N, C-alpha and C. Protein backbone atom coordinates (compact mmCIF):
# COMPACT_ATOMS: atom_id res chain seq x y z
N UNK A 1 74.20 73.68 114.86
CA UNK A 1 75.32 73.89 113.98
C UNK A 1 75.04 75.13 113.13
N UNK A 2 76.03 75.97 112.98
CA UNK A 2 75.88 77.21 112.20
C UNK A 2 76.27 76.94 110.75
N UNK A 3 75.47 77.44 109.82
CA UNK A 3 75.75 77.29 108.39
C UNK A 3 77.01 78.10 108.04
N UNK A 4 77.98 77.48 107.38
CA UNK A 4 79.21 78.20 107.03
C UNK A 4 79.00 79.26 105.94
N UNK A 5 77.89 79.17 105.21
CA UNK A 5 77.63 80.11 104.12
C UNK A 5 76.88 81.35 104.60
N UNK A 6 75.75 81.16 105.28
CA UNK A 6 74.92 82.31 105.66
C UNK A 6 74.91 82.59 107.16
N UNK A 7 75.57 81.71 107.95
CA UNK A 7 75.69 81.86 109.41
C UNK A 7 74.36 81.64 110.17
N UNK A 8 73.36 81.08 109.50
CA UNK A 8 72.09 80.77 110.14
C UNK A 8 72.30 79.64 111.14
N UNK A 9 71.59 79.70 112.27
CA UNK A 9 71.86 78.76 113.35
C UNK A 9 71.03 77.48 113.32
N UNK A 10 70.14 77.33 112.35
CA UNK A 10 69.27 76.16 112.31
C UNK A 10 69.60 75.32 111.08
N UNK A 11 70.14 74.10 111.32
CA UNK A 11 70.45 73.19 110.23
C UNK A 11 69.85 71.82 110.52
N UNK A 12 69.71 71.02 109.47
CA UNK A 12 69.17 69.67 109.60
C UNK A 12 70.24 68.66 109.21
N UNK A 13 70.22 67.52 109.89
CA UNK A 13 71.14 66.43 109.55
C UNK A 13 70.46 65.56 108.50
N UNK A 14 71.12 65.39 107.35
CA UNK A 14 70.58 64.58 106.27
C UNK A 14 71.08 63.14 106.34
N UNK A 15 72.33 62.98 106.76
CA UNK A 15 72.93 61.66 106.82
C UNK A 15 73.98 61.66 107.92
N UNK A 16 74.11 60.53 108.60
CA UNK A 16 75.07 60.43 109.69
C UNK A 16 75.69 59.04 109.67
N UNK A 17 77.03 58.97 109.72
CA UNK A 17 77.70 57.66 109.76
C UNK A 17 79.07 57.79 110.41
N UNK A 18 79.51 56.67 110.98
CA UNK A 18 80.83 56.64 111.59
C UNK A 18 81.88 56.51 110.50
N UNK A 19 83.03 57.17 110.70
CA UNK A 19 84.12 57.06 109.74
C UNK A 19 84.98 55.87 110.12
N UNK A 20 85.62 55.29 109.15
CA UNK A 20 86.45 54.10 109.37
C UNK A 20 87.71 54.45 110.15
N UNK A 21 87.86 53.87 111.32
CA UNK A 21 89.08 53.97 112.08
C UNK A 21 89.42 55.32 112.68
N UNK A 22 88.61 56.35 112.45
CA UNK A 22 88.96 57.67 112.95
C UNK A 22 88.19 58.07 114.21
N UNK A 23 87.34 57.17 114.69
CA UNK A 23 86.55 57.44 115.89
C UNK A 23 85.83 58.78 115.78
N UNK A 24 85.21 59.00 114.63
CA UNK A 24 84.48 60.24 114.39
C UNK A 24 83.15 59.92 113.72
N UNK A 25 82.23 60.85 113.79
CA UNK A 25 80.94 60.72 113.12
C UNK A 25 80.88 61.79 112.04
N UNK A 26 80.61 61.34 110.81
CA UNK A 26 80.49 62.25 109.67
C UNK A 26 79.01 62.56 109.48
N UNK A 27 78.68 63.84 109.41
CA UNK A 27 77.28 64.23 109.22
C UNK A 27 77.15 65.15 108.00
N UNK A 28 76.19 64.83 107.13
CA UNK A 28 75.82 65.72 106.02
C UNK A 28 74.70 66.58 106.54
N UNK A 29 74.85 67.87 106.41
CA UNK A 29 73.86 68.80 106.94
C UNK A 29 73.35 69.73 105.84
N UNK A 30 72.17 70.33 106.13
CA UNK A 30 71.57 71.29 105.20
C UNK A 30 71.04 72.46 106.00
N UNK A 31 71.37 73.66 105.54
CA UNK A 31 70.89 74.87 106.19
C UNK A 31 69.40 75.02 105.90
N UNK A 32 68.62 75.32 106.94
CA UNK A 32 67.17 75.47 106.76
C UNK A 32 66.80 76.81 106.15
N UNK A 33 67.77 77.72 106.03
CA UNK A 33 67.50 79.03 105.45
C UNK A 33 67.95 79.09 103.99
N UNK A 34 69.26 78.91 103.74
CA UNK A 34 69.79 79.07 102.37
C UNK A 34 69.91 77.75 101.61
N UNK A 35 69.60 76.63 102.27
CA UNK A 35 69.62 75.28 101.68
C UNK A 35 71.03 74.78 101.33
N UNK A 36 72.07 75.48 101.79
CA UNK A 36 73.45 75.05 101.57
C UNK A 36 73.68 73.71 102.26
N UNK A 37 74.40 72.80 101.58
CA UNK A 37 74.74 71.51 102.17
C UNK A 37 76.22 71.51 102.53
N UNK A 38 76.53 70.93 103.69
CA UNK A 38 77.92 70.87 104.12
C UNK A 38 78.12 69.65 105.01
N UNK A 39 79.39 69.31 105.24
CA UNK A 39 79.74 68.13 106.03
C UNK A 39 80.44 68.55 107.31
N UNK A 40 80.11 67.89 108.40
CA UNK A 40 80.82 68.10 109.66
C UNK A 40 81.34 66.76 110.16
N UNK A 41 82.39 66.82 110.96
CA UNK A 41 82.94 65.63 111.60
C UNK A 41 82.94 65.87 113.09
N UNK A 42 82.38 64.94 113.82
CA UNK A 42 82.34 65.06 115.28
C UNK A 42 83.23 63.96 115.87
N UNK A 43 84.12 64.36 116.76
CA UNK A 43 85.02 63.43 117.41
C UNK A 43 84.96 63.68 118.90
N UNK A 44 84.84 62.61 119.67
CA UNK A 44 84.78 62.75 121.11
C UNK A 44 86.12 63.26 121.62
N UNK A 45 86.07 64.24 122.47
CA UNK A 45 87.30 64.78 123.04
C UNK A 45 87.74 63.87 124.19
N UNK A 46 88.88 63.24 123.99
CA UNK A 46 89.38 62.32 125.00
C UNK A 46 90.74 62.74 125.53
N UNK A 47 91.29 63.78 124.96
CA UNK A 47 92.64 64.18 125.31
C UNK A 47 92.64 65.42 126.18
N UNK A 48 92.57 65.22 127.45
CA UNK A 48 92.63 66.35 128.37
C UNK A 48 93.77 66.10 129.35
N UNK A 49 94.97 66.29 128.84
CA UNK A 49 96.13 66.14 129.71
C UNK A 49 97.05 67.34 129.52
N UNK A 50 97.99 67.46 130.41
CA UNK A 50 98.93 68.57 130.40
C UNK A 50 100.26 68.08 129.83
N UNK A 51 100.86 68.90 128.99
CA UNK A 51 102.17 68.59 128.42
C UNK A 51 103.23 69.29 129.27
N UNK A 52 104.21 68.52 129.71
CA UNK A 52 105.31 69.07 130.51
C UNK A 52 106.52 69.20 129.60
N UNK A 53 106.93 70.45 129.37
CA UNK A 53 108.06 70.71 128.48
C UNK A 53 109.38 70.46 129.18
N UNK A 54 110.46 70.45 128.40
CA UNK A 54 111.80 70.16 128.93
C UNK A 54 112.21 71.12 130.05
N UNK A 55 111.76 72.37 129.96
CA UNK A 55 112.13 73.37 130.98
C UNK A 55 111.17 73.38 132.17
N UNK A 56 110.22 72.41 132.19
CA UNK A 56 109.29 72.30 133.31
C UNK A 56 107.99 73.06 133.12
N UNK A 57 107.89 73.87 132.09
CA UNK A 57 106.67 74.64 131.82
C UNK A 57 105.56 73.65 131.44
N UNK A 58 104.37 73.91 131.93
CA UNK A 58 103.22 73.05 131.65
C UNK A 58 102.21 73.81 130.80
N UNK A 59 101.64 73.11 129.82
CA UNK A 59 100.58 73.71 129.00
C UNK A 59 99.61 72.63 128.56
N UNK A 60 98.41 73.03 128.22
CA UNK A 60 97.40 72.09 127.76
C UNK A 60 97.83 71.47 126.44
N UNK A 61 97.48 70.21 126.27
CA UNK A 61 97.78 69.51 125.02
C UNK A 61 97.01 70.18 123.89
N UNK A 62 97.69 70.41 122.77
CA UNK A 62 97.09 71.07 121.61
C UNK A 62 97.30 70.18 120.38
N UNK A 63 96.24 69.48 119.98
CA UNK A 63 96.31 68.57 118.83
C UNK A 63 96.73 69.31 117.55
N UNK A 64 96.18 70.49 117.34
CA UNK A 64 96.48 71.25 116.12
C UNK A 64 97.96 71.61 116.03
N UNK A 65 98.54 71.99 117.15
CA UNK A 65 99.97 72.34 117.18
C UNK A 65 100.81 71.12 116.80
N UNK A 66 100.45 69.97 117.32
CA UNK A 66 101.16 68.74 117.02
C UNK A 66 100.99 68.36 115.55
N UNK A 67 99.77 68.46 115.05
CA UNK A 67 99.51 68.14 113.64
C UNK A 67 100.31 69.03 112.70
N UNK A 68 100.43 70.29 113.05
CA UNK A 68 101.18 71.23 112.21
C UNK A 68 102.63 70.77 112.05
N UNK A 69 103.26 70.34 113.14
CA UNK A 69 104.63 69.85 113.09
C UNK A 69 104.76 68.56 112.30
N UNK A 70 103.80 67.67 112.46
CA UNK A 70 103.83 66.40 111.74
C UNK A 70 103.64 66.63 110.25
N UNK A 71 102.70 67.49 109.89
CA UNK A 71 102.47 67.76 108.47
C UNK A 71 103.67 68.45 107.82
N UNK A 72 104.37 69.25 108.59
CA UNK A 72 105.60 69.89 108.09
C UNK A 72 106.62 68.82 107.72
N UNK A 73 106.75 67.81 108.58
CA UNK A 73 107.68 66.70 108.32
C UNK A 73 107.23 65.84 107.13
N UNK A 74 105.92 65.75 106.91
CA UNK A 74 105.36 64.90 105.86
C UNK A 74 105.14 65.63 104.55
N UNK A 75 105.55 66.89 104.50
CA UNK A 75 105.34 67.70 103.30
C UNK A 75 105.94 67.03 102.06
N UNK A 76 105.16 66.96 100.99
CA UNK A 76 105.56 66.38 99.70
C UNK A 76 105.91 64.90 99.80
N UNK A 77 105.33 64.21 100.77
CA UNK A 77 105.50 62.77 100.93
C UNK A 77 104.15 62.10 100.64
N UNK A 78 104.17 60.82 100.35
CA UNK A 78 102.93 60.09 100.06
C UNK A 78 102.31 59.59 101.36
N UNK A 79 101.94 60.54 102.20
CA UNK A 79 101.30 60.23 103.47
C UNK A 79 99.90 60.83 103.42
N UNK A 80 98.90 60.02 103.76
CA UNK A 80 97.52 60.49 103.67
C UNK A 80 97.05 61.10 104.99
N UNK A 81 96.00 61.87 104.89
CA UNK A 81 95.39 62.47 106.07
C UNK A 81 94.87 61.39 107.01
N UNK A 82 94.31 60.32 106.44
CA UNK A 82 93.82 59.20 107.26
C UNK A 82 94.95 58.55 108.05
N UNK A 83 96.09 58.38 107.42
CA UNK A 83 97.23 57.76 108.12
C UNK A 83 97.66 58.62 109.31
N UNK A 84 97.75 59.92 109.10
CA UNK A 84 98.16 60.83 110.18
C UNK A 84 97.10 60.86 111.27
N UNK A 85 95.83 60.97 110.89
CA UNK A 85 94.74 61.01 111.87
C UNK A 85 94.72 59.74 112.71
N UNK A 86 94.85 58.59 112.07
CA UNK A 86 94.86 57.32 112.81
C UNK A 86 96.06 57.23 113.74
N UNK A 87 97.21 57.70 113.26
CA UNK A 87 98.42 57.68 114.09
C UNK A 87 98.23 58.55 115.33
N UNK A 88 97.73 59.77 115.14
CA UNK A 88 97.53 60.69 116.26
C UNK A 88 96.46 60.15 117.21
N UNK A 89 95.39 59.58 116.68
CA UNK A 89 94.34 59.02 117.54
C UNK A 89 94.90 57.93 118.45
N UNK A 90 95.72 57.04 117.87
CA UNK A 90 96.33 55.96 118.68
C UNK A 90 97.25 56.53 119.76
N UNK A 91 98.08 57.51 119.36
CA UNK A 91 99.01 58.10 120.32
C UNK A 91 98.29 58.87 121.43
N UNK A 92 97.25 59.62 121.05
CA UNK A 92 96.49 60.37 122.06
C UNK A 92 95.84 59.43 123.07
N UNK A 93 95.36 58.31 122.59
CA UNK A 93 94.76 57.33 123.49
C UNK A 93 95.82 56.82 124.48
N UNK A 94 97.01 56.53 123.96
CA UNK A 94 98.11 56.08 124.82
C UNK A 94 98.47 57.15 125.85
N UNK A 95 98.66 58.39 125.39
CA UNK A 95 99.05 59.48 126.29
C UNK A 95 97.96 59.77 127.32
N UNK A 96 96.70 59.71 126.89
CA UNK A 96 95.59 59.96 127.80
C UNK A 96 95.52 58.94 128.93
N UNK A 97 95.99 57.72 128.66
CA UNK A 97 96.00 56.67 129.66
C UNK A 97 97.20 56.73 130.60
N UNK A 98 98.12 57.65 130.32
CA UNK A 98 99.35 57.74 131.12
C UNK A 98 99.17 58.61 132.36
N UNK A 99 98.07 59.32 132.45
CA UNK A 99 97.85 60.20 133.59
C UNK A 99 97.53 61.60 133.14
N UNK A 100 97.59 62.52 134.08
CA UNK A 100 97.20 63.90 133.79
C UNK A 100 98.31 64.71 133.14
N UNK A 101 99.57 64.24 133.27
CA UNK A 101 100.70 64.95 132.68
C UNK A 101 101.55 64.00 131.85
N UNK A 102 101.96 64.48 130.67
CA UNK A 102 102.81 63.71 129.78
C UNK A 102 103.95 64.62 129.33
N UNK A 103 105.17 64.10 129.37
CA UNK A 103 106.32 64.92 129.00
C UNK A 103 106.47 65.03 127.48
N UNK A 104 107.07 66.12 127.04
CA UNK A 104 107.32 66.30 125.61
C UNK A 104 108.30 65.25 125.11
N UNK A 105 109.12 64.74 126.01
CA UNK A 105 110.07 63.69 125.64
C UNK A 105 109.32 62.43 125.19
N UNK A 106 108.31 62.03 125.95
CA UNK A 106 107.51 60.85 125.59
C UNK A 106 106.75 61.11 124.29
N UNK A 107 106.15 62.29 124.19
CA UNK A 107 105.38 62.64 122.99
C UNK A 107 106.29 62.62 121.76
N UNK A 108 107.43 63.27 121.85
CA UNK A 108 108.36 63.34 120.72
C UNK A 108 108.86 61.97 120.29
N UNK A 109 109.25 61.14 121.26
CA UNK A 109 109.75 59.80 120.94
C UNK A 109 108.65 58.93 120.32
N UNK A 110 107.43 59.03 120.85
CA UNK A 110 106.32 58.25 120.29
C UNK A 110 106.01 58.67 118.86
N UNK A 111 106.06 59.97 118.60
CA UNK A 111 105.80 60.46 117.23
C UNK A 111 106.89 59.96 116.30
N UNK A 112 108.15 60.04 116.75
CA UNK A 112 109.25 59.57 115.89
C UNK A 112 109.12 58.08 115.60
N UNK A 113 108.76 57.27 116.60
CA UNK A 113 108.57 55.84 116.38
C UNK A 113 107.47 55.58 115.36
N UNK A 114 106.37 56.31 115.48
CA UNK A 114 105.25 56.13 114.56
C UNK A 114 105.61 56.59 113.15
N UNK A 115 106.33 57.72 113.06
CA UNK A 115 106.73 58.23 111.73
C UNK A 115 107.74 57.32 111.07
N UNK A 116 108.61 56.70 111.86
CA UNK A 116 109.62 55.79 111.31
C UNK A 116 108.93 54.64 110.58
N UNK A 117 107.81 54.16 111.14
CA UNK A 117 107.05 53.07 110.52
C UNK A 117 106.25 53.56 109.31
N UNK A 118 105.85 54.82 109.35
CA UNK A 118 105.00 55.38 108.30
C UNK A 118 105.80 55.86 107.10
N UNK A 119 106.84 56.67 107.33
CA UNK A 119 107.63 57.25 106.24
C UNK A 119 108.98 57.67 106.80
N UNK A 120 110.05 57.05 106.32
CA UNK A 120 111.38 57.30 106.87
C UNK A 120 111.87 58.72 106.64
N UNK A 121 111.52 59.31 105.52
CA UNK A 121 111.94 60.69 105.25
C UNK A 121 111.25 61.65 106.22
N UNK A 122 109.96 61.43 106.45
CA UNK A 122 109.23 62.26 107.41
C UNK A 122 109.82 62.09 108.81
N UNK A 123 110.22 60.86 109.13
CA UNK A 123 110.85 60.59 110.42
C UNK A 123 112.14 61.41 110.57
N UNK A 124 113.00 61.38 109.55
CA UNK A 124 114.27 62.12 109.62
C UNK A 124 114.01 63.62 109.73
N UNK A 125 113.04 64.12 108.98
CA UNK A 125 112.71 65.55 109.06
C UNK A 125 112.25 65.93 110.47
N UNK A 126 111.35 65.14 111.02
CA UNK A 126 110.83 65.42 112.36
C UNK A 126 111.96 65.31 113.39
N UNK A 127 112.76 64.25 113.28
CA UNK A 127 113.86 64.02 114.23
C UNK A 127 114.87 65.15 114.18
N UNK A 128 115.15 65.67 112.98
CA UNK A 128 116.15 66.74 112.86
C UNK A 128 115.73 68.00 113.61
N UNK A 129 114.43 68.26 113.64
CA UNK A 129 113.93 69.41 114.39
C UNK A 129 113.80 69.07 115.87
N UNK A 130 113.21 67.92 116.17
CA UNK A 130 112.99 67.54 117.56
C UNK A 130 114.30 67.37 118.33
N UNK A 131 115.26 66.70 117.70
CA UNK A 131 116.55 66.46 118.37
C UNK A 131 117.55 67.58 118.13
N UNK A 132 117.13 68.59 117.40
CA UNK A 132 117.95 69.78 117.14
C UNK A 132 119.34 69.41 116.61
N UNK A 133 119.36 68.72 115.46
CA UNK A 133 120.64 68.36 114.85
C UNK A 133 121.46 69.63 114.64
N UNK A 134 122.69 69.63 115.12
CA UNK A 134 123.52 70.82 115.05
C UNK A 134 124.48 70.80 113.86
N UNK A 135 124.78 69.60 113.36
CA UNK A 135 125.73 69.51 112.25
C UNK A 135 125.44 68.27 111.41
N UNK A 136 126.20 68.13 110.35
CA UNK A 136 126.02 67.02 109.42
C UNK A 136 126.35 65.68 110.08
N UNK A 137 127.28 65.67 111.00
CA UNK A 137 127.68 64.44 111.68
C UNK A 137 126.52 63.84 112.48
N UNK A 138 125.78 64.69 113.18
CA UNK A 138 124.62 64.23 113.95
C UNK A 138 123.57 63.65 113.00
N UNK A 139 123.39 64.31 111.87
CA UNK A 139 122.43 63.87 110.87
C UNK A 139 122.85 62.49 110.33
N UNK A 140 124.14 62.32 110.05
CA UNK A 140 124.65 61.04 109.54
C UNK A 140 124.41 59.92 110.54
N UNK A 141 124.65 60.20 111.83
CA UNK A 141 124.46 59.19 112.87
C UNK A 141 123.01 58.71 112.91
N UNK A 142 122.08 59.63 112.77
CA UNK A 142 120.66 59.27 112.78
C UNK A 142 120.32 58.43 111.56
N UNK A 143 120.89 58.80 110.41
CA UNK A 143 120.66 58.01 109.19
C UNK A 143 121.23 56.60 109.33
N UNK A 144 122.40 56.50 109.97
CA UNK A 144 123.00 55.17 110.17
C UNK A 144 122.10 54.29 111.04
N UNK A 145 121.49 54.87 112.07
CA UNK A 145 120.56 54.11 112.91
C UNK A 145 119.39 53.59 112.09
N UNK A 146 118.92 54.42 111.19
CA UNK A 146 117.78 54.06 110.35
C UNK A 146 118.14 52.94 109.37
N UNK A 147 119.37 52.93 108.90
CA UNK A 147 119.80 51.92 107.92
C UNK A 147 120.07 50.56 108.54
N UNK A 148 120.23 50.49 109.87
CA UNK A 148 120.50 49.22 110.53
C UNK A 148 119.28 48.34 110.59
């Protein structure tokens, strides 16, 4: 592991423990040169599938790209990083078990279902972009579904 402060390549692990529910290992490290202490998180990579877009284009799954969209929907909401991480971990496990290719339709619907349970405002924000609401009437219809 490279020290983030001095870029030295030799560090020592001071403490190591699993994080609750995130399927990751948290490690406290110390640089052997500058003595800087820092934390790293290690997570097993289990998501190696291809995303099939609506137009048929295929691309590798990108967790960061997905997280960016979800955080945009959750902006200024009382949603924690742990909640989002746990949600994405569960969904990635589901998608990874579906085969080598997963459509954006399945991904989008699964995210909306999970967000609906987590935060209704974040759900509406995500749905408005994902479903490309064109006018106020479409927005009202989605809100009516949520109120039922």
